[in-house]
Amino acid sequence: RFSGTFVGNAESTSPPPAATSPPAVAAATLPAVPTIPVVPTIGGVPNTVAESVLNPNEVKPPASGTRKARVLYDYEAADSTELALLADEIITVYSLPGMDPDWLIGERGNQKGKVPVTYLELLS
């Protein structure tokens, strides 16, 4: 059985003294720090290719090299650059130079977007 008394810290429970703020420094006295613009890239791919990969609706299929593929599993697109897939549908796929080998550009009618290769059975 516990007793009705509480044994705790015997020190004062008064709040800590207010912290003093450092003296204000005029912005004009601070040295200018140059900023470097950050441009996103995909794993060493030049920006021109990265932008075309990220905007599949703006890319055109190659004159040759398109294939048909059967979708093995349903796939929900994570964003507007990807194409949602339904199992057993047939789509046209192709790759672009510098594109991640785990993804292809897929087309269904007038819809276009990146699709994961592991969800596809490539047909001849």
N, C-alpha and C. Protein backbone atom coordinates (compact mmCIF):
# COMPACT_ATOMS: atom_id res chain seq x y z
N ARG A 1 0.83 -1.18 0.00
CA ARG A 1 0.00 0.00 0.00
C ARG A 1 0.88 1.24 0.00
N PHE A 2 0.44 2.25 -0.77
CA PHE A 2 1.19 3.51 -0.82
C PHE A 2 0.72 4.43 0.28
N SER A 3 1.63 5.18 0.82
CA SER A 3 1.24 6.17 1.83
C SER A 3 0.68 7.40 1.13
N GLY A 4 0.05 8.23 1.87
CA GLY A 4 -0.58 9.42 1.29
C GLY A 4 0.39 10.55 1.05
N THR A 5 1.68 10.33 1.29
CA THR A 5 2.64 11.42 1.09
C THR A 5 3.39 11.21 -0.21
N PHE A 6 3.81 12.29 -0.81
CA PHE A 6 4.56 12.24 -2.06
C PHE A 6 5.97 12.71 -1.77
N VAL A 7 6.93 11.93 -2.17
CA VAL A 7 8.33 12.32 -1.99
C VAL A 7 8.83 12.78 -3.34
N GLY A 8 9.21 14.02 -3.43
CA GLY A 8 9.65 14.55 -4.72
C GLY A 8 10.88 15.40 -4.54
N ASN A 9 11.10 16.26 -5.47
CA ASN A 9 12.25 17.15 -5.45
C ASN A 9 12.04 18.18 -4.35
N ALA A 10 12.98 18.31 -3.46
CA ALA A 10 12.85 19.22 -2.34
C ALA A 10 13.24 20.64 -2.71
N GLU A 11 13.76 20.84 -3.94
CA GLU A 11 14.17 22.18 -4.35
C GLU A 11 12.96 23.05 -4.62
N SER A 12 13.21 24.32 -4.70
CA SER A 12 12.14 25.29 -4.95
C SER A 12 11.50 25.01 -6.31
N THR A 13 10.22 25.23 -6.37
CA THR A 13 9.50 25.04 -7.64
C THR A 13 9.20 26.36 -8.30
N SER A 14 9.91 27.41 -7.93
CA SER A 14 9.67 28.71 -8.55
C SER A 14 10.11 28.66 -10.00
N PRO A 15 9.46 29.45 -10.85
CA PRO A 15 9.81 29.41 -12.29
C PRO A 15 11.23 29.92 -12.51
N PRO A 16 11.86 29.48 -13.58
CA PRO A 16 13.22 29.94 -13.86
C PRO A 16 13.23 31.43 -14.15
N PRO A 17 14.34 32.08 -13.90
CA PRO A 17 14.40 33.52 -14.18
C PRO A 17 14.23 33.76 -15.67
N ALA A 18 13.65 34.90 -16.00
CA ALA A 18 13.40 35.23 -17.41
C ALA A 18 14.72 35.33 -18.14
N ALA A 19 14.75 34.73 -19.32
CA ALA A 19 15.98 34.76 -20.12
C ALA A 19 16.14 36.14 -20.71
N THR A 20 17.36 36.60 -20.74
CA THR A 20 17.61 37.90 -21.35
C THR A 20 17.88 37.69 -22.82
N SER A 21 17.32 38.55 -23.63
CA SER A 21 17.52 38.41 -25.06
C SER A 21 18.81 39.10 -25.46
N PRO A 22 19.47 38.61 -26.50
CA PRO A 22 20.71 39.24 -26.94
C PRO A 22 20.40 40.62 -27.49
N PRO A 23 21.36 41.52 -27.45
CA PRO A 23 21.10 42.86 -27.95
C PRO A 23 20.77 42.81 -29.44
N ALA A 24 19.86 43.66 -29.84
CA ALA A 24 19.45 43.70 -31.24
C ALA A 24 20.58 44.24 -32.09
N VAL A 25 20.78 43.62 -33.25
CA VAL A 25 21.82 44.06 -34.16
C VAL A 25 21.13 44.53 -35.42
N ALA A 26 21.47 45.71 -35.86
CA ALA A 26 20.85 46.25 -37.06
C ALA A 26 21.19 45.38 -38.26
N ALA A 27 20.22 45.14 -39.12
CA ALA A 27 20.43 44.27 -40.27
C ALA A 27 21.51 44.81 -41.19
N ALA A 28 21.68 46.12 -41.21
CA ALA A 28 22.67 46.72 -42.09
C ALA A 28 24.09 46.36 -41.67
N THR A 29 24.29 46.02 -40.40
CA THR A 29 25.65 45.70 -39.95
C THR A 29 26.02 44.25 -40.21
N LEU A 30 25.06 43.42 -40.55
CA LEU A 30 25.36 42.01 -40.81
C LEU A 30 25.96 41.86 -42.21
N PRO A 31 26.93 40.99 -42.39
CA PRO A 31 27.49 40.79 -43.73
C PRO A 31 26.45 40.11 -44.63
N ALA A 32 26.46 40.48 -45.87
CA ALA A 32 25.54 39.88 -46.83
C ALA A 32 25.96 38.44 -47.09
N VAL A 33 25.02 37.52 -47.02
CA VAL A 33 25.31 36.11 -47.28
C VAL A 33 24.71 35.77 -48.63
N PRO A 34 25.55 35.41 -49.60
CA PRO A 34 25.00 35.08 -50.92
C PRO A 34 24.18 33.81 -50.85
N THR A 35 23.12 33.75 -51.62
CA THR A 35 22.30 32.55 -51.68
C THR A 35 22.54 31.87 -53.01
N ILE A 36 22.48 30.57 -52.97
CA ILE A 36 22.68 29.78 -54.18
C ILE A 36 21.34 29.18 -54.56
N PRO A 37 20.85 29.46 -55.78
CA PRO A 37 19.56 28.88 -56.16
C PRO A 37 19.66 27.36 -56.23
N VAL A 38 18.63 26.69 -55.77
CA VAL A 38 18.59 25.24 -55.78
C VAL A 38 17.68 24.79 -56.91
N VAL A 39 18.23 24.01 -57.82
CA VAL A 39 17.47 23.50 -58.95
C VAL A 39 17.39 21.99 -58.80
N PRO A 40 16.17 21.44 -58.64
CA PRO A 40 16.08 19.99 -58.46
C PRO A 40 16.49 19.24 -59.72
N THR A 41 17.20 18.14 -59.50
CA THR A 41 17.57 17.27 -60.61
C THR A 41 17.30 15.83 -60.21
N ILE A 42 17.33 14.97 -61.17
CA ILE A 42 17.13 13.54 -60.90
C ILE A 42 18.47 12.87 -61.09
N GLY A 43 19.03 12.37 -59.99
CA GLY A 43 20.26 11.58 -59.98
C GLY A 43 21.25 11.85 -61.09
N GLY A 44 21.71 13.08 -61.24
CA GLY A 44 22.73 13.39 -62.21
C GLY A 44 22.22 13.57 -63.62
N VAL A 45 20.92 13.56 -63.82
CA VAL A 45 20.35 13.75 -65.15
C VAL A 45 20.28 15.24 -65.42
N PRO A 46 20.69 15.72 -66.58
CA PRO A 46 20.60 17.15 -66.88
C PRO A 46 19.15 17.63 -66.73
N ASN A 47 19.00 18.90 -66.38
CA ASN A 47 17.67 19.44 -66.10
C ASN A 47 16.72 19.34 -67.28
N THR A 48 17.22 19.47 -68.50
CA THR A 48 16.31 19.40 -69.64
C THR A 48 15.66 18.03 -69.74
N VAL A 49 16.42 16.98 -69.46
CA VAL A 49 15.84 15.63 -69.48
C VAL A 49 14.95 15.43 -68.26
N ALA A 50 15.39 15.92 -67.11
CA ALA A 50 14.61 15.75 -65.88
C ALA A 50 13.25 16.40 -66.02
N GLU A 51 13.21 17.59 -66.63
CA GLU A 51 11.93 18.27 -66.78
C GLU A 51 11.02 17.49 -67.72
N SER A 52 11.56 16.91 -68.79
CA SER A 52 10.71 16.16 -69.70
C SER A 52 10.22 14.88 -69.05
N VAL A 53 11.04 14.28 -68.19
CA VAL A 53 10.63 13.07 -67.49
C VAL A 53 9.53 13.40 -66.49
N LEU A 54 9.64 14.55 -65.83
CA LEU A 54 8.66 14.93 -64.82
C LEU A 54 7.35 15.42 -65.44
N ASN A 55 7.36 15.76 -66.71
CA ASN A 55 6.15 16.21 -67.38
C ASN A 55 5.82 15.29 -68.55
N PRO A 56 5.36 14.08 -68.25
CA PRO A 56 5.14 13.10 -69.33
C PRO A 56 4.09 13.55 -70.33
N ASN A 57 3.20 14.45 -69.96
CA ASN A 57 2.18 14.90 -70.90
C ASN A 57 2.78 15.77 -72.00
N GLU A 58 4.00 16.26 -71.80
CA GLU A 58 4.64 17.12 -72.79
C GLU A 58 5.62 16.36 -73.69
N VAL A 59 5.88 15.09 -73.40
CA VAL A 59 6.83 14.33 -74.22
C VAL A 59 6.09 13.59 -75.31
N LYS A 60 6.80 13.37 -76.40
CA LYS A 60 6.22 12.62 -77.52
C LYS A 60 6.89 11.26 -77.57
N PRO A 61 6.14 10.23 -77.93
CA PRO A 61 6.73 8.89 -78.00
C PRO A 61 7.78 8.84 -79.11
N PRO A 62 8.78 8.00 -78.93
CA PRO A 62 9.79 7.86 -79.99
C PRO A 62 9.16 7.26 -81.23
N ALA A 63 9.77 7.54 -82.39
CA ALA A 63 9.24 7.04 -83.66
C ALA A 63 9.19 5.51 -83.65
N SER A 64 10.17 4.89 -83.01
CA SER A 64 10.15 3.44 -82.85
C SER A 64 10.51 3.14 -81.41
N GLY A 65 10.21 1.95 -80.96
CA GLY A 65 10.56 1.59 -79.60
C GLY A 65 9.38 1.55 -78.65
N THR A 66 8.17 1.79 -79.16
CA THR A 66 7.01 1.64 -78.30
C THR A 66 6.61 0.17 -78.29
N ARG A 67 6.09 -0.27 -77.15
CA ARG A 67 5.65 -1.65 -77.00
C ARG A 67 4.30 -1.66 -76.31
N LYS A 68 3.61 -2.75 -76.46
CA LYS A 68 2.38 -2.97 -75.71
C LYS A 68 2.74 -3.69 -74.42
N ALA A 69 1.97 -3.43 -73.39
CA ALA A 69 2.19 -4.08 -72.10
C ALA A 69 0.85 -4.38 -71.46
N ARG A 70 0.79 -5.53 -70.79
CA ARG A 70 -0.41 -5.89 -70.03
C ARG A 70 -0.13 -5.54 -68.58
N VAL A 71 -1.10 -4.86 -67.96
CA VAL A 71 -0.97 -4.45 -66.57
C VAL A 71 -1.27 -5.65 -65.67
N LEU A 72 -0.35 -5.96 -64.76
CA LEU A 72 -0.50 -7.12 -63.88
C LEU A 72 -1.33 -6.82 -62.64
N TYR A 73 -1.21 -5.60 -62.11
CA TYR A 73 -1.89 -5.23 -60.86
C TYR A 73 -2.44 -3.82 -60.97
N ASP A 74 -3.47 -3.53 -60.20
CA ASP A 74 -3.97 -2.16 -60.11
C ASP A 74 -2.87 -1.29 -59.53
N TYR A 75 -2.75 -0.05 -60.01
CA TYR A 75 -1.76 0.89 -59.50
C TYR A 75 -2.41 2.26 -59.39
N GLU A 76 -2.31 2.85 -58.22
CA GLU A 76 -2.86 4.19 -58.00
C GLU A 76 -1.75 5.21 -58.18
N ALA A 77 -1.95 6.16 -59.08
CA ALA A 77 -0.94 7.19 -59.35
C ALA A 77 -0.69 8.02 -58.10
N ALA A 78 0.59 8.27 -57.80
CA ALA A 78 0.97 9.05 -56.62
C ALA A 78 0.83 10.55 -56.88
N ASP A 79 0.96 10.96 -58.13
CA ASP A 79 0.81 12.37 -58.48
C ASP A 79 0.43 12.50 -59.96
N SER A 80 0.37 13.73 -60.45
CA SER A 80 -0.10 13.96 -61.81
C SER A 80 0.88 13.51 -62.89
N THR A 81 2.12 13.17 -62.51
CA THR A 81 3.08 12.70 -63.52
C THR A 81 2.95 11.21 -63.77
N GLU A 82 2.18 10.51 -62.93
CA GLU A 82 2.02 9.06 -63.07
C GLU A 82 0.66 8.72 -63.67
N LEU A 83 0.57 7.52 -64.22
CA LEU A 83 -0.66 7.03 -64.84
C LEU A 83 -1.24 5.93 -63.97
N ALA A 84 -2.48 6.08 -63.55
CA ALA A 84 -3.15 5.03 -62.78
C ALA A 84 -3.42 3.85 -63.70
N LEU A 85 -3.28 2.64 -63.16
CA LEU A 85 -3.44 1.42 -63.97
C LEU A 85 -4.48 0.49 -63.37
N LEU A 86 -5.13 -0.27 -64.25
CA LEU A 86 -6.07 -1.31 -63.82
C LEU A 86 -5.55 -2.64 -64.33
N ALA A 87 -5.61 -3.66 -63.48
CA ALA A 87 -5.12 -4.99 -63.85
C ALA A 87 -5.78 -5.46 -65.14
N ASP A 88 -5.01 -6.13 -65.99
CA ASP A 88 -5.42 -6.75 -67.25
C ASP A 88 -5.67 -5.78 -68.39
N GLU A 89 -5.48 -4.48 -68.21
CA GLU A 89 -5.62 -3.59 -69.36
C GLU A 89 -4.33 -3.59 -70.18
N ILE A 90 -4.43 -3.23 -71.44
CA ILE A 90 -3.28 -3.17 -72.35
C ILE A 90 -2.98 -1.69 -72.60
N ILE A 91 -1.71 -1.31 -72.39
CA ILE A 91 -1.29 0.07 -72.63
C ILE A 91 -0.06 0.06 -73.51
N THR A 92 0.28 1.21 -74.08
CA THR A 92 1.50 1.39 -74.85
C THR A 92 2.55 1.99 -73.93
N VAL A 93 3.78 1.47 -73.98
CA VAL A 93 4.84 1.97 -73.11
C VAL A 93 6.10 2.25 -73.92
N TYR A 94 6.92 3.14 -73.40
CA TYR A 94 8.24 3.44 -73.97
C TYR A 94 9.07 4.13 -72.91
N SER A 95 10.38 4.17 -73.12
CA SER A 95 11.27 4.84 -72.19
C SER A 95 11.87 6.07 -72.86
N LEU A 96 12.40 6.95 -72.03
CA LEU A 96 13.06 8.15 -72.51
C LEU A 96 14.51 8.11 -72.09
N PRO A 97 15.39 8.75 -72.86
CA PRO A 97 16.81 8.78 -72.48
C PRO A 97 16.97 9.41 -71.09
N GLY A 98 17.78 8.77 -70.24
CA GLY A 98 18.05 9.30 -68.91
C GLY A 98 16.98 9.00 -67.89
N MET A 99 15.96 8.26 -68.28
CA MET A 99 14.86 7.96 -67.38
C MET A 99 15.23 6.80 -66.45
N ASP A 100 14.70 6.82 -65.23
CA ASP A 100 14.92 5.74 -64.27
C ASP A 100 14.48 4.42 -64.91
N PRO A 101 15.33 3.39 -64.92
CA PRO A 101 14.98 2.13 -65.59
C PRO A 101 13.83 1.37 -64.93
N ASP A 102 13.44 1.76 -63.73
CA ASP A 102 12.32 1.10 -63.05
C ASP A 102 10.96 1.67 -63.48
N TRP A 103 10.97 2.68 -64.34
CA TRP A 103 9.75 3.34 -64.80
C TRP A 103 9.74 3.44 -66.31
N LEU A 104 8.54 3.45 -66.88
CA LEU A 104 8.33 3.69 -68.31
C LEU A 104 7.25 4.76 -68.44
N ILE A 105 7.16 5.35 -69.62
CA ILE A 105 6.04 6.23 -69.92
C ILE A 105 4.94 5.34 -70.49
N GLY A 106 3.76 5.43 -69.92
CA GLY A 106 2.63 4.64 -70.39
C GLY A 106 1.58 5.53 -71.01
N GLU A 107 0.92 5.03 -72.04
CA GLU A 107 -0.16 5.77 -72.69
C GLU A 107 -1.40 4.89 -72.79
N ARG A 108 -2.53 5.49 -72.48
CA ARG A 108 -3.83 4.86 -72.64
C ARG A 108 -4.74 5.92 -73.24
N GLY A 109 -5.07 5.76 -74.52
CA GLY A 109 -5.87 6.79 -75.18
C GLY A 109 -5.12 8.11 -75.17
N ASN A 110 -5.74 9.15 -74.62
CA ASN A 110 -5.07 10.45 -74.56
C ASN A 110 -4.43 10.70 -73.19
N GLN A 111 -4.40 9.69 -72.33
CA GLN A 111 -3.76 9.81 -71.01
C GLN A 111 -2.33 9.30 -71.10
N LYS A 112 -1.44 9.99 -70.39
CA LYS A 112 -0.03 9.63 -70.44
C LYS A 112 0.59 9.88 -69.07
N GLY A 113 1.53 9.00 -68.65
CA GLY A 113 2.22 9.21 -67.38
C GLY A 113 3.21 8.10 -67.10
N LYS A 114 4.00 8.30 -66.05
CA LYS A 114 4.99 7.29 -65.67
C LYS A 114 4.28 6.09 -65.05
N VAL A 115 4.81 4.90 -65.34
CA VAL A 115 4.26 3.66 -64.77
C VAL A 115 5.42 2.78 -64.30
N PRO A 116 5.25 2.08 -63.18
CA PRO A 116 6.34 1.21 -62.70
C PRO A 116 6.43 -0.07 -63.53
N VAL A 117 7.63 -0.42 -63.93
CA VAL A 117 7.88 -1.60 -64.78
C VAL A 117 7.39 -2.88 -64.08
N THR A 118 7.52 -2.95 -62.76
CA THR A 118 7.16 -4.18 -62.04
C THR A 118 5.66 -4.49 -62.11
N TYR A 119 4.86 -3.54 -62.52
CA TYR A 119 3.41 -3.76 -62.64
C TYR A 119 3.01 -4.20 -64.05
N LEU A 120 4.01 -4.40 -64.93
CA LEU A 120 3.74 -4.66 -66.35
C LEU A 120 4.30 -5.99 -66.82
N GLU A 121 3.60 -6.57 -67.79
CA GLU A 121 4.13 -7.69 -68.57
C GLU A 121 4.32 -7.15 -69.97
N LEU A 122 5.58 -6.99 -70.38
CA LEU A 122 5.84 -6.44 -71.72
C LEU A 122 5.51 -7.48 -72.78
N LEU A 123 4.76 -7.06 -73.77
CA LEU A 123 4.36 -7.95 -74.87
C LEU A 123 5.22 -7.64 -76.09
N SER A 124 5.34 -8.61 -77.00
CA SER A 124 6.17 -8.37 -78.18
C SER A 124 5.42 -7.63 -79.27
